[in-house]
Every structure is written in C-alpha cells, then in structure tokens.
Amino acid sequence: MKMLKFALACIAGIVTLGEALGEEVAVKGRGLVDLEEYVCSVPHKSNSLLSRICYEDETQHLLVEINGIWFEHCKVPKAALYNLMLTDAVGGYYNAKIRPLKCRQQEYAR
C-alpha cells in the first residue's frame, strides 16, 4: 500500500514527507495526528496560504498547514486534491471547495 501511495505521489509530481519522517502534527480541534498513513507534499504552485498538504486516500482525509496551524477536512475527493495542487488560485480554490468540507467527530481518521 505504501509503495502504491509513493508511486501515486511521484506521478502527481508531489514530494512525500510525512511517511518518511513518521511525523505527528497537532491538528486544530483534534489533537495529534500521525502522518504515517498520509502522503504529504509541498504545494506545486507557490502560494502564501498552504505550507503543506497531507492526504489519506482510503478515508479521503486531507490535512493542510496554514500559517503553522493544521486543519483537517473530510470526504475530500481525489480530484479536488489534484485541482488544489494544480490551480493558480490556491487560496480561492481552498476557500471555495476544500474549506467547507469540515470533519465531524465520527469522521476523524484513525
């Protein structure tokens, strides 16, 4: 499974970080989240909003780092992730398409 994630990340042109580091991040409203199951990247386009993006394909959970604060979004389709990574208007796309996809307590990833 990890090899498939790595291959998908390479095809998408993103750099994996979280898996390799075994990193945990403090997510607002949730607490510590282990990034082992996530494929993480630095956004392809330079932008002033998002520092890092981490996605867990099986659960469709997306973690984003904004100004040093991590936020979690649920039920984020893979297509929305790709669009976020490729758009020239990262902030506008995030605010319109991703930000509304907030997690409820029962939807939190493992």
Foldseek 3Di string as FASTA:
>chain_A
DVVVVVVVCVVLVFDFDQLVVQDWDQAPPPGIDGLNQWGKGAQPADDQFWGMWIARQVFRKIWTAGPNHIYIFGPHDPVLVSCCSPDPCNVVSCVPPTVVRHDDPVSDDD
